[in-house]
Amino acid sequence: MCFKRLGIKIDEICRKRAGLDGAIHFIPGLLKDEYKFRSIDMKTVKMIIEQAIGYEEQCATYTSELYSEDVQLISKDGRLYYLPE
């Protein structure tokens, strides 16, 4: 698993450096990619995995019929409003 947006690599148990730590390791990171990341605690990794599994289950169970419902369109002052019938 890789959470790119957060800079976390679960498989490698590391996260992207930030702040002053990131600034200090910027130039070494240009030479070797592993210097851009720092290790994280295994307890934190387990928490992230548990939360990600729960999130995937929530997304999988949510089904919406938004596009099959009839709506009423109202235009006011250049804005569109969608109202269910």
PDB file of N, CA and C in Angstrom:
ATOM      1  N   MET A   1       0.840  -1.185   0.000  1.00  0.00           N
ATOM      2  CA  MET A   1       0.000   0.000   0.000  1.00  0.00           C
ATOM      3  C   MET A   1       0.876   1.236   0.000  1.00  0.00           C
ATOM      4  N   CYS A   2       0.472   2.192  -0.746  1.00  0.00           N
ATOM      5  CA  CYS A   2       1.207   3.445  -0.792  1.00  0.00           C
ATOM      6  C   CYS A   2       0.205   4.590  -0.782  1.00  0.00           C
ATOM      7  N   PHE A   3       0.302   5.444   0.184  1.00  0.00           N
ATOM      8  CA  PHE A   3      -0.559   6.606   0.270  1.00  0.00           C
ATOM      9  C   PHE A   3       0.239   7.799  -0.243  1.00  0.00           C
ATOM     10  N   LYS A   4       0.265   7.948  -1.569  1.00  0.00           N
ATOM     11  CA  LYS A   4       1.114   8.957  -2.205  1.00  0.00           C
ATOM     12  C   LYS A   4       0.826  10.363  -1.710  1.00  0.00           C
ATOM     13  N   ARG A   5      -0.455  10.685  -1.611  1.00  0.00           N
ATOM     14  CA  ARG A   5      -0.825  12.045  -1.229  1.00  0.00           C
ATOM     15  C   ARG A   5      -0.283  12.408   0.155  1.00  0.00           C
ATOM     16  N   LEU A   6      -0.204  11.423   1.029  1.00  0.00           N
ATOM     17  CA  LEU A   6       0.297  11.655   2.382  1.00  0.00           C
ATOM     18  C   LEU A   6       1.795  11.419   2.502  1.00  0.00           C
ATOM     19  N   GLY A   7       2.409  10.852   1.472  1.00  0.00           N
ATOM     20  CA  GLY A   7       3.846  10.579   1.513  1.00  0.00           C
ATOM     21  C   GLY A   7       4.195   9.402   2.393  1.00  0.00           C
ATOM     22  N   ILE A   8       3.269   8.433   2.501  1.00  0.00           N
ATOM     23  CA  ILE A   8       3.482   7.268   3.363  1.00  0.00           C
ATOM     24  C   ILE A   8       3.622   6.025   2.496  1.00  0.00           C
ATOM     25  N   LYS A   9       4.656   5.227   2.783  1.00  0.00           N
ATOM     26  CA  LYS A   9       4.844   3.934   2.125  1.00  0.00           C
ATOM     27  C   LYS A   9       4.709   2.855   3.198  1.00  0.00           C
ATOM     28  N   ILE A  10       3.536   2.229   3.235  1.00  0.00           N
ATOM     29  CA  ILE A  10       3.262   1.214   4.253  1.00  0.00           C
ATOM     30  C   ILE A  10       4.167  -0.002   4.066  1.00  0.00           C
ATOM     31  N   ASP A  11       4.377  -0.411   2.817  1.00  0.00           N
ATOM     32  CA  ASP A  11       5.190  -1.600   2.549  1.00  0.00           C
ATOM     33  C   ASP A  11       6.629  -1.443   3.045  1.00  0.00           C
ATOM     34  N   GLU A  12       7.143  -0.234   2.965  1.00  0.00           N
ATOM     35  CA  GLU A  12       8.522   0.026   3.376  1.00  0.00           C
ATOM     36  C   GLU A  12       8.616   0.613   4.782  1.00  0.00           C
ATOM     37  N   ILE A  13       7.466   0.799   5.441  1.00  0.00           N
ATOM     38  CA  ILE A  13       7.370   1.334   6.802  1.00  0.00           C
ATOM     39  C   ILE A  13       8.111   2.669   6.919  1.00  0.00           C
ATOM     40  N   CYS A  14       7.754   3.608   6.044  1.00  0.00           N
ATOM     41  CA  CYS A  14       8.390   4.922   6.093  1.00  0.00           C
ATOM     42  C   CYS A  14       7.433   6.004   5.603  1.00  0.00           C
ATOM     43  N   ARG A  15       7.792   7.251   5.921  1.00  0.00           N
ATOM     44  CA  ARG A  15       7.021   8.398   5.470  1.00  0.00           C
ATOM     45  C   ARG A  15       7.970   9.467   4.954  1.00  0.00           C
ATOM     46  N   LYS A  16       7.447  10.362   4.136  1.00  0.00           N
ATOM     47  CA  LYS A  16       8.276  11.418   3.567  1.00  0.00           C
ATOM     48  C   LYS A  16       8.646  12.425   4.658  1.00  0.00           C
ATOM     49  N   ARG A  17       9.865  12.890   4.588  1.00  0.00           N
ATOM     50  CA  ARG A  17      10.328  13.882   5.561  1.00  0.00           C
ATOM     51  C   ARG A  17       9.646  15.222   5.294  1.00  0.00           C
ATOM     52  N   ALA A  18       9.405  15.980   6.355  1.00  0.00           N
ATOM     53  CA  ALA A  18       8.731  17.269   6.214  1.00  0.00           C
ATOM     54  C   ALA A  18       9.408  18.294   7.119  1.00  0.00           C
ATOM     55  N   GLY A  19       9.110  19.556   6.882  1.00  0.00           N
ATOM     56  CA  GLY A  19       9.625  20.633   7.711  1.00  0.00           C
ATOM     57  C   GLY A  19      11.130  20.780   7.628  1.00  0.00           C
ATOM     58  N   LEU A  20      11.746  21.092   8.758  1.00  0.00           N
ATOM     59  CA  LEU A  20      13.192  21.282   8.829  1.00  0.00           C
ATOM     60  C   LEU A  20      13.936  19.993   8.478  1.00  0.00           C
ATOM     61  N   ASP A  21      13.387  18.863   8.932  1.00  0.00           N
ATOM     62  CA  ASP A  21      13.985  17.564   8.613  1.00  0.00           C
ATOM     63  C   ASP A  21      14.007  17.340   7.099  1.00  0.00           C
ATOM     64  N   GLY A  22      12.935  17.713   6.410  1.00  0.00           N
ATOM     65  CA  GLY A  22      12.884  17.586   4.957  1.00  0.00           C
ATOM     66  C   GLY A  22      13.862  18.514   4.263  1.00  0.00           C
ATOM     67  N   ALA A  23      14.010  19.720   4.800  1.00  0.00           N
ATOM     68  CA  ALA A  23      14.949  20.683   4.211  1.00  0.00           C
ATOM     69  C   ALA A  23      16.398  20.216   4.364  1.00  0.00           C
ATOM     70  N   ILE A  24      16.715  19.665   5.519  1.00  0.00           N
ATOM     71  CA  ILE A  24      18.071  19.177   5.768  1.00  0.00           C
ATOM     72  C   ILE A  24      18.422  18.020   4.834  1.00  0.00           C
ATOM     73  N   HIS A  25      17.462  17.150   4.577  1.00  0.00           N
ATOM     74  CA  HIS A  25      17.707  15.959   3.760  1.00  0.00           C
ATOM     75  C   HIS A  25      17.348  16.155   2.288  1.00  0.00           C
ATOM     76  N   PHE A  26      17.082  17.378   1.866  1.00  0.00           N
ATOM     77  CA  PHE A  26      16.702  17.632   0.477  1.00  0.00           C
ATOM     78  C   PHE A  26      17.830  17.268  -0.496  1.00  0.00           C
ATOM     79  N   ILE A  27      19.028  17.814  -0.260  1.00  0.00           N
ATOM     80  CA  ILE A  27      20.146  17.550  -1.174  1.00  0.00           C
ATOM     81  C   ILE A  27      20.571  16.079  -1.143  1.00  0.00           C
ATOM     82  N   PRO A  28      20.718  15.457   0.046  1.00  0.00           N
ATOM     83  CA  PRO A  28      21.020  14.019   0.022  1.00  0.00           C
ATOM     84  C   PRO A  28      19.915  13.209  -0.679  1.00  0.00           C
ATOM     85  N   GLY A  29      18.665  13.690  -0.582  1.00  0.00           N
ATOM     86  CA  GLY A  29      17.560  13.008  -1.246  1.00  0.00           C
ATOM     87  C   GLY A  29      17.647  13.051  -2.757  1.00  0.00           C
ATOM     88  N   LEU A  30      18.341  14.054  -3.285  1.00  0.00           N
ATOM     89  CA  LEU A  30      18.546  14.126  -4.722  1.00  0.00           C
ATOM     90  C   LEU A  30      19.499  13.022  -5.189  1.00  0.00           C
ATOM     91  N   LEU A  31      20.419  12.662  -4.321  1.00  0.00           N
ATOM     92  CA  LEU A  31      21.398  11.628  -4.652  1.00  0.00           C
ATOM     93  C   LEU A  31      20.845  10.218  -4.443  1.00  0.00           C
ATOM     94  N   LYS A  32      20.107  10.037  -3.349  1.00  0.00           N
ATOM     95  CA  LYS A  32      19.589   8.714  -3.009  1.00  0.00           C
ATOM     96  C   LYS A  32      18.158   8.871  -2.498  1.00  0.00           C
ATOM     97  N   ASP A  33      17.213   8.230  -3.158  1.00  0.00           N
ATOM     98  CA  ASP A  33      15.789   8.405  -2.874  1.00  0.00           C
ATOM     99  C   ASP A  33      15.422   8.043  -1.438  1.00  0.00           C
ATOM    100  N   GLU A  34      16.114   7.105  -0.851  1.00  0.00           N
ATOM    101  CA  GLU A  34      15.759   6.665   0.499  1.00  0.00           C
ATOM    102  C   GLU A  34      15.994   7.754   1.558  1.00  0.00           C
ATOM    103  N   TYR A  35      16.805   8.759   1.269  1.00  0.00           N
ATOM    104  CA  TYR A  35      17.029   9.855   2.216  1.00  0.00           C
ATOM    105  C   TYR A  35      15.836  10.803   2.297  1.00  0.00           C
ATOM    106  N   LYS A  36      14.913  10.708   1.346  1.00  0.00           N
ATOM    107  CA  LYS A  36      13.715  11.543   1.366  1.00  0.00           C
ATOM    108  C   LYS A  36      12.698  11.044   2.386  1.00  0.00           C
ATOM    109  N   PHE A  37      12.903   9.821   2.891  1.00  0.00           N
ATOM    110  CA  PHE A  37      11.949   9.193   3.786  1.00  0.00           C
ATOM    111  C   PHE A  37      12.580   8.865   5.123  1.00  0.00           C
ATOM    112  N   ARG A  38      11.743   8.777   6.154  1.00  0.00           N
ATOM    113  CA  ARG A  38      12.188   8.348   7.470  1.00  0.00           C
ATOM    114  C   ARG A  38      11.283   7.239   7.954  1.00  0.00           C
ATOM    115  N   SER A  39      11.801   6.392   8.809  1.00  0.00           N
ATOM    116  CA  SER A  39      11.021   5.242   9.274  1.00  0.00           C
ATOM    117  C   SER A  39       9.916   5.689  10.230  1.00  0.00           C
ATOM    118  N   ILE A  40       8.878   4.878  10.312  1.00  0.00           N
ATOM    119  CA  ILE A  40       7.795   5.135  11.252  1.00  0.00           C
ATOM    120  C   ILE A  40       7.604   3.895  12.118  1.00  0.00           C
ATOM    121  N   ASP A  41       6.965   4.087  13.244  1.00  0.00           N
ATOM    122  CA  ASP A  41       6.749   3.014  14.204  1.00  0.00           C
ATOM    123  C   ASP A  41       5.784   1.970  13.646  1.00  0.00           C
ATOM    124  N   MET A  42       6.026   0.717  13.938  1.00  0.00           N
ATOM    125  CA  MET A  42       5.170  -0.366  13.445  1.00  0.00           C
ATOM    126  C   MET A  42       3.755  -0.232  13.996  1.00  0.00           C
ATOM    127  N   LYS A  43       3.615   0.304  15.194  1.00  0.00           N
ATOM    128  CA  LYS A  43       2.295   0.525  15.783  1.00  0.00           C
ATOM    129  C   LYS A  43       1.490   1.507  14.920  1.00  0.00           C
ATOM    130  N   THR A  44       2.153   2.525  14.423  1.00  0.00           N
ATOM    131  CA  THR A  44       1.506   3.501  13.545  1.00  0.00           C
ATOM    132  C   THR A  44       1.082   2.858  12.235  1.00  0.00           C
ATOM    133  N   VAL A  45       1.937   2.001  11.690  1.00  0.00           N
ATOM    134  CA  VAL A  45       1.615   1.296  10.445  1.00  0.00           C
ATOM    135  C   VAL A  45       0.370   0.430  10.631  1.00  0.00           C
ATOM    136  N   LYS A  46       0.297  -0.289  11.747  1.00  0.00           N
ATOM    137  CA  LYS A  46      -0.867  -1.131  12.012  1.00  0.00           C
ATOM    138  C   LYS A  46      -2.139  -0.301  12.118  1.00  0.00           C
ATOM    139  N   MET A  47      -2.050   0.864  12.760  1.00  0.00           N
ATOM    140  CA  MET A  47      -3.210   1.745  12.879  1.00  0.00           C
ATOM    141  C   MET A  47      -3.668   2.235  11.509  1.00  0.00           C
ATOM    142  N   ILE A  48      -2.738   2.596  10.658  1.00  0.00           N
ATOM    143  CA  ILE A  48      -3.071   3.074   9.313  1.00  0.00           C
ATOM    144  C   ILE A  48      -3.749   1.969   8.515  1.00  0.00           C
ATOM    145  N   ILE A  49      -3.227   0.762   8.587  1.00  0.00           N
ATOM    146  CA  ILE A  49      -3.805  -0.363   7.851  1.00  0.00           C
ATOM    147  C   ILE A  49      -5.225  -0.646   8.336  1.00  0.00           C
ATOM    148  N   GLU A  50      -5.439  -0.646   9.651  1.00  0.00           N
ATOM    149  CA  GLU A  50      -6.770  -0.900  10.207  1.00  0.00           C
ATOM    150  C   GLU A  50      -7.758   0.174   9.749  1.00  0.00           C
ATOM    151  N   GLN A  51      -7.342   1.434   9.760  1.00  0.00           N
ATOM    152  CA  GLN A  51      -8.222   2.513   9.343  1.00  0.00           C
ATOM    153  C   GLN A  51      -8.502   2.454   7.847  1.00  0.00           C
ATOM    154  N   ALA A  52      -7.522   2.084   7.057  1.00  0.00           N
ATOM    155  CA  ALA A  52      -7.721   1.992   5.614  1.00  0.00           C
ATOM    156  C   ALA A  52      -8.692   0.865   5.270  1.00  0.00           C
ATOM    157  N   ILE A  53      -8.608  -0.242   5.979  1.00  0.00           N
ATOM    158  CA  ILE A  53      -9.533  -1.356   5.739  1.00  0.00           C
ATOM    159  C   ILE A  53     -10.955  -0.931   6.080  1.00  0.00           C
ATOM    160  N   GLY A  54     -11.143  -0.250   7.180  1.00  0.00           N
ATOM    161  CA  GLY A  54     -12.470   0.240   7.562  1.00  0.00           C
ATOM    162  C   GLY A  54     -13.022   1.223   6.547  1.00  0.00           C
ATOM    163  N   TYR A  55     -12.167   2.065   6.007  1.00  0.00           N
ATOM    164  CA  TYR A  55     -12.597   3.054   5.010  1.00  0.00           C
ATOM    165  C   TYR A  55     -13.019   2.374   3.719  1.00  0.00           C
ATOM    166  N   GLU A  56     -12.268   1.360   3.286  1.00  0.00           N
ATOM    167  CA  GLU A  56     -12.608   0.631   2.060  1.00  0.00           C
ATOM    168  C   GLU A  56     -13.949  -0.064   2.207  1.00  0.00           C
ATOM    169  N   GLU A  57     -14.232  -0.620   3.396  1.00  0.00           N
ATOM    170  CA  GLU A  57     -15.505  -1.290   3.622  1.00  0.00           C
ATOM    171  C   GLU A  57     -16.656  -0.297   3.558  1.00  0.00           C
ATOM    172  N   GLN A  58     -16.477   0.904   4.112  1.00  0.00           N
ATOM    173  CA  GLN A  58     -17.527   1.925   4.073  1.00  0.00           C
ATOM    174  C   GLN A  58     -17.818   2.324   2.638  1.00  0.00           C
ATOM    175  N   CYS A  59     -16.788   2.512   1.848  1.00  0.00           N
ATOM    176  CA  CYS A  59     -16.973   2.918   0.457  1.00  0.00           C
ATOM    177  C   CYS A  59     -17.635   1.818  -0.355  1.00  0.00           C
ATOM    178  N   ALA A  60     -17.313   0.585  -0.066  1.00  0.00           N
ATOM    179  CA  ALA A  60     -17.865  -0.527  -0.839  1.00  0.00           C
ATOM    180  C   ALA A  60     -19.351  -0.728  -0.538  1.00  0.00           C
ATOM    181  N   THR A  61     -19.786  -0.457   0.696  1.00  0.00           N
ATOM    182  CA  THR A  61     -21.178  -0.687   1.055  1.00  0.00           C
ATOM    183  C   THR A  61     -22.086   0.470   0.655  1.00  0.00           C
ATOM    184  N   TYR A  62     -21.532   1.641   0.412  1.00  0.00           N
ATOM    185  CA  TYR A  62     -22.344   2.799   0.060  1.00  0.00           C
ATOM    186  C   TYR A  62     -22.700   2.756  -1.416  1.00  0.00           C
ATOM    187  N   THR A  63     -23.960   2.616  -1.694  1.00  0.00           N
ATOM    188  CA  THR A  63     -24.422   2.658  -3.073  1.00  0.00           C
ATOM    189  C   THR A  63     -25.454   3.760  -3.181  1.00  0.00           C
ATOM    190  N   SER A  64     -25.367   4.529  -4.212  1.00  0.00           N
ATOM    191  CA  SER A  64     -26.252   5.666  -4.375  1.00  0.00           C
ATOM    192  C   SER A  64     -26.950   5.598  -5.720  1.00  0.00           C
ATOM    193  N   GLU A  65     -28.171   6.013  -5.730  1.00  0.00           N
ATOM    194  CA  GLU A  65     -28.969   6.052  -6.952  1.00  0.00           C
ATOM    195  C   GLU A  65     -29.226   7.504  -7.354  1.00  0.00           C
ATOM    196  N   LEU A  66     -28.224   8.358  -7.189  1.00  0.00           N
ATOM    197  CA  LEU A  66     -28.412   9.780  -7.457  1.00  0.00           C
ATOM    198  C   LEU A  66     -28.800  10.067  -8.902  1.00  0.00           C
ATOM    199  N   TYR A  67     -28.261   9.321  -9.826  1.00  0.00           N
ATOM    200  CA  TYR A  67     -28.508   9.606 -11.237  1.00  0.00           C
ATOM    201  C   TYR A  67     -29.820   9.006 -11.734  1.00  0.00           C
ATOM    202  N   SER A  68     -30.426   8.136 -10.956  1.00  0.00           N
ATOM    203  CA  SER A  68     -31.689   7.554 -11.391  1.00  0.00           C
ATOM    204  C   SER A  68     -32.891   8.284 -10.798  1.00  0.00           C
ATOM    205  N   GLU A  69     -32.667   9.228  -9.886  1.00  0.00           N
ATOM    206  CA  GLU A  69     -33.754   9.984  -9.271  1.00  0.00           C
ATOM    207  C   GLU A  69     -34.105  11.196 -10.124  1.00  0.00           C
ATOM    208  N   ASP A  70     -35.409  11.514 -10.163  1.00  0.00           N
ATOM    209  CA  ASP A  70     -35.862  12.709 -10.866  1.00  0.00           C
ATOM    210  C   ASP A  70     -35.622  13.925  -9.980  1.00  0.00           C
ATOM    211  N   VAL A  71     -35.171  15.008 -10.581  1.00  0.00           N
ATOM    212  CA  VAL A  71     -34.930  16.247  -9.855  1.00  0.00           C
ATOM    213  C   VAL A  71     -35.570  17.416 -10.605  1.00  0.00           C
ATOM    214  N   GLN A  72     -35.752  18.485  -9.884  1.00  0.00           N
ATOM    215  CA  GLN A  72     -36.281  19.713 -10.469  1.00  0.00           C
ATOM    216  C   GLN A  72     -35.145  20.729 -10.490  1.00  0.00           C
ATOM    217  N   LEU A  73     -34.920  21.369 -11.627  1.00  0.00           N
ATOM    218  CA  LEU A  73     -33.868  22.372 -11.760  1.00  0.00           C
ATOM    219  C   LEU A  73     -34.466  23.760 -11.602  1.00  0.00           C
ATOM    220  N   ILE A  74     -33.828  24.576 -10.777  1.00  0.00           N
ATOM    221  CA  ILE A  74     -34.249  25.958 -10.599  1.00  0.00           C
ATOM    222  C   ILE A  74     -33.031  26.835 -10.839  1.00  0.00           C
ATOM    223  N   SER A  75     -33.196  27.856 -11.670  1.00  0.00           N
ATOM    224  CA  SER A  75     -32.112  28.795 -11.956  1.00  0.00           C
ATOM    225  C   SER A  75     -32.463  30.135 -11.309  1.00  0.00           C
ATOM    226  N   LYS A  76     -31.542  30.633 -10.473  1.00  0.00           N
ATOM    227  CA  LYS A  76     -31.776  31.901  -9.794  1.00  0.00           C
ATOM    228  C   LYS A  76     -30.447  32.642  -9.701  1.00  0.00           C
ATOM    229  N   ASP A  77     -30.420  33.856 -10.229  1.00  0.00           N
ATOM    230  CA  ASP A  77     -29.225  34.703 -10.195  1.00  0.00           C
ATOM    231  C   ASP A  77     -28.004  33.998 -10.789  1.00  0.00           C
ATOM    232  N   GLY A  78     -28.193  33.252 -11.861  1.00  0.00           N
ATOM    233  CA  GLY A  78     -27.086  32.586 -12.537  1.00  0.00           C
ATOM    234  C   GLY A  78     -26.616  31.311 -11.855  1.00  0.00           C
ATOM    235  N   ARG A  79     -27.325  30.865 -10.832  1.00  0.00           N
ATOM    236  CA  ARG A  79     -26.970  29.631 -10.126  1.00  0.00           C
ATOM    237  C   ARG A  79     -28.031  28.574 -10.392  1.00  0.00           C
ATOM    238  N   LEU A  80     -27.601  27.319 -10.416  1.00  0.00           N
ATOM    239  CA  LEU A  80     -28.527  26.208 -10.593  1.00  0.00           C
ATOM    240  C   LEU A  80     -28.732  25.498  -9.266  1.00  0.00           C
ATOM    241  N   TYR A  81     -29.985  25.193  -8.972  1.00  0.00           N
ATOM    242  CA  TYR A  81     -30.341  24.455  -7.760  1.00  0.00           C
ATOM    243  C   TYR A  81     -31.044  23.182  -8.180  1.00  0.00           C
ATOM    244  N   TYR A  82     -30.672  22.071  -7.573  1.00  0.00           N
ATOM    245  CA  TYR A  82     -31.275  20.774  -7.846  1.00  0.00           C
ATOM    246  C   TYR A  82     -32.155  20.388  -6.655  1.00  0.00           C
ATOM    247  N   LEU A  83     -33.427  20.185  -6.921  1.00  0.00           N
ATOM    248  CA  LEU A  83     -34.355  19.790  -5.859  1.00  0.00           C
ATOM    249  C   LEU A  83     -34.956  18.433  -6.184  1.00  0.00           C
ATOM    250  N   PRO A  84     -34.955  17.517  -5.215  1.00  0.00           N
ATOM    251  CA  PRO A  84     -35.605  16.227  -5.490  1.00  0.00           C
ATOM    252  C   PRO A  84     -37.115  16.430  -5.583  1.00  0.00           C
ATOM    253  N   GLU A  85     -37.753  15.616  -6.417  1.00  0.00           N
ATOM    254  CA  GLU A  85     -39.202  15.751  -6.560  1.00  0.00           C
ATOM    255  C   GLU A  85     -39.928  14.967  -5.500  1.00  0.00           C
TER     256      GLU A  85
END
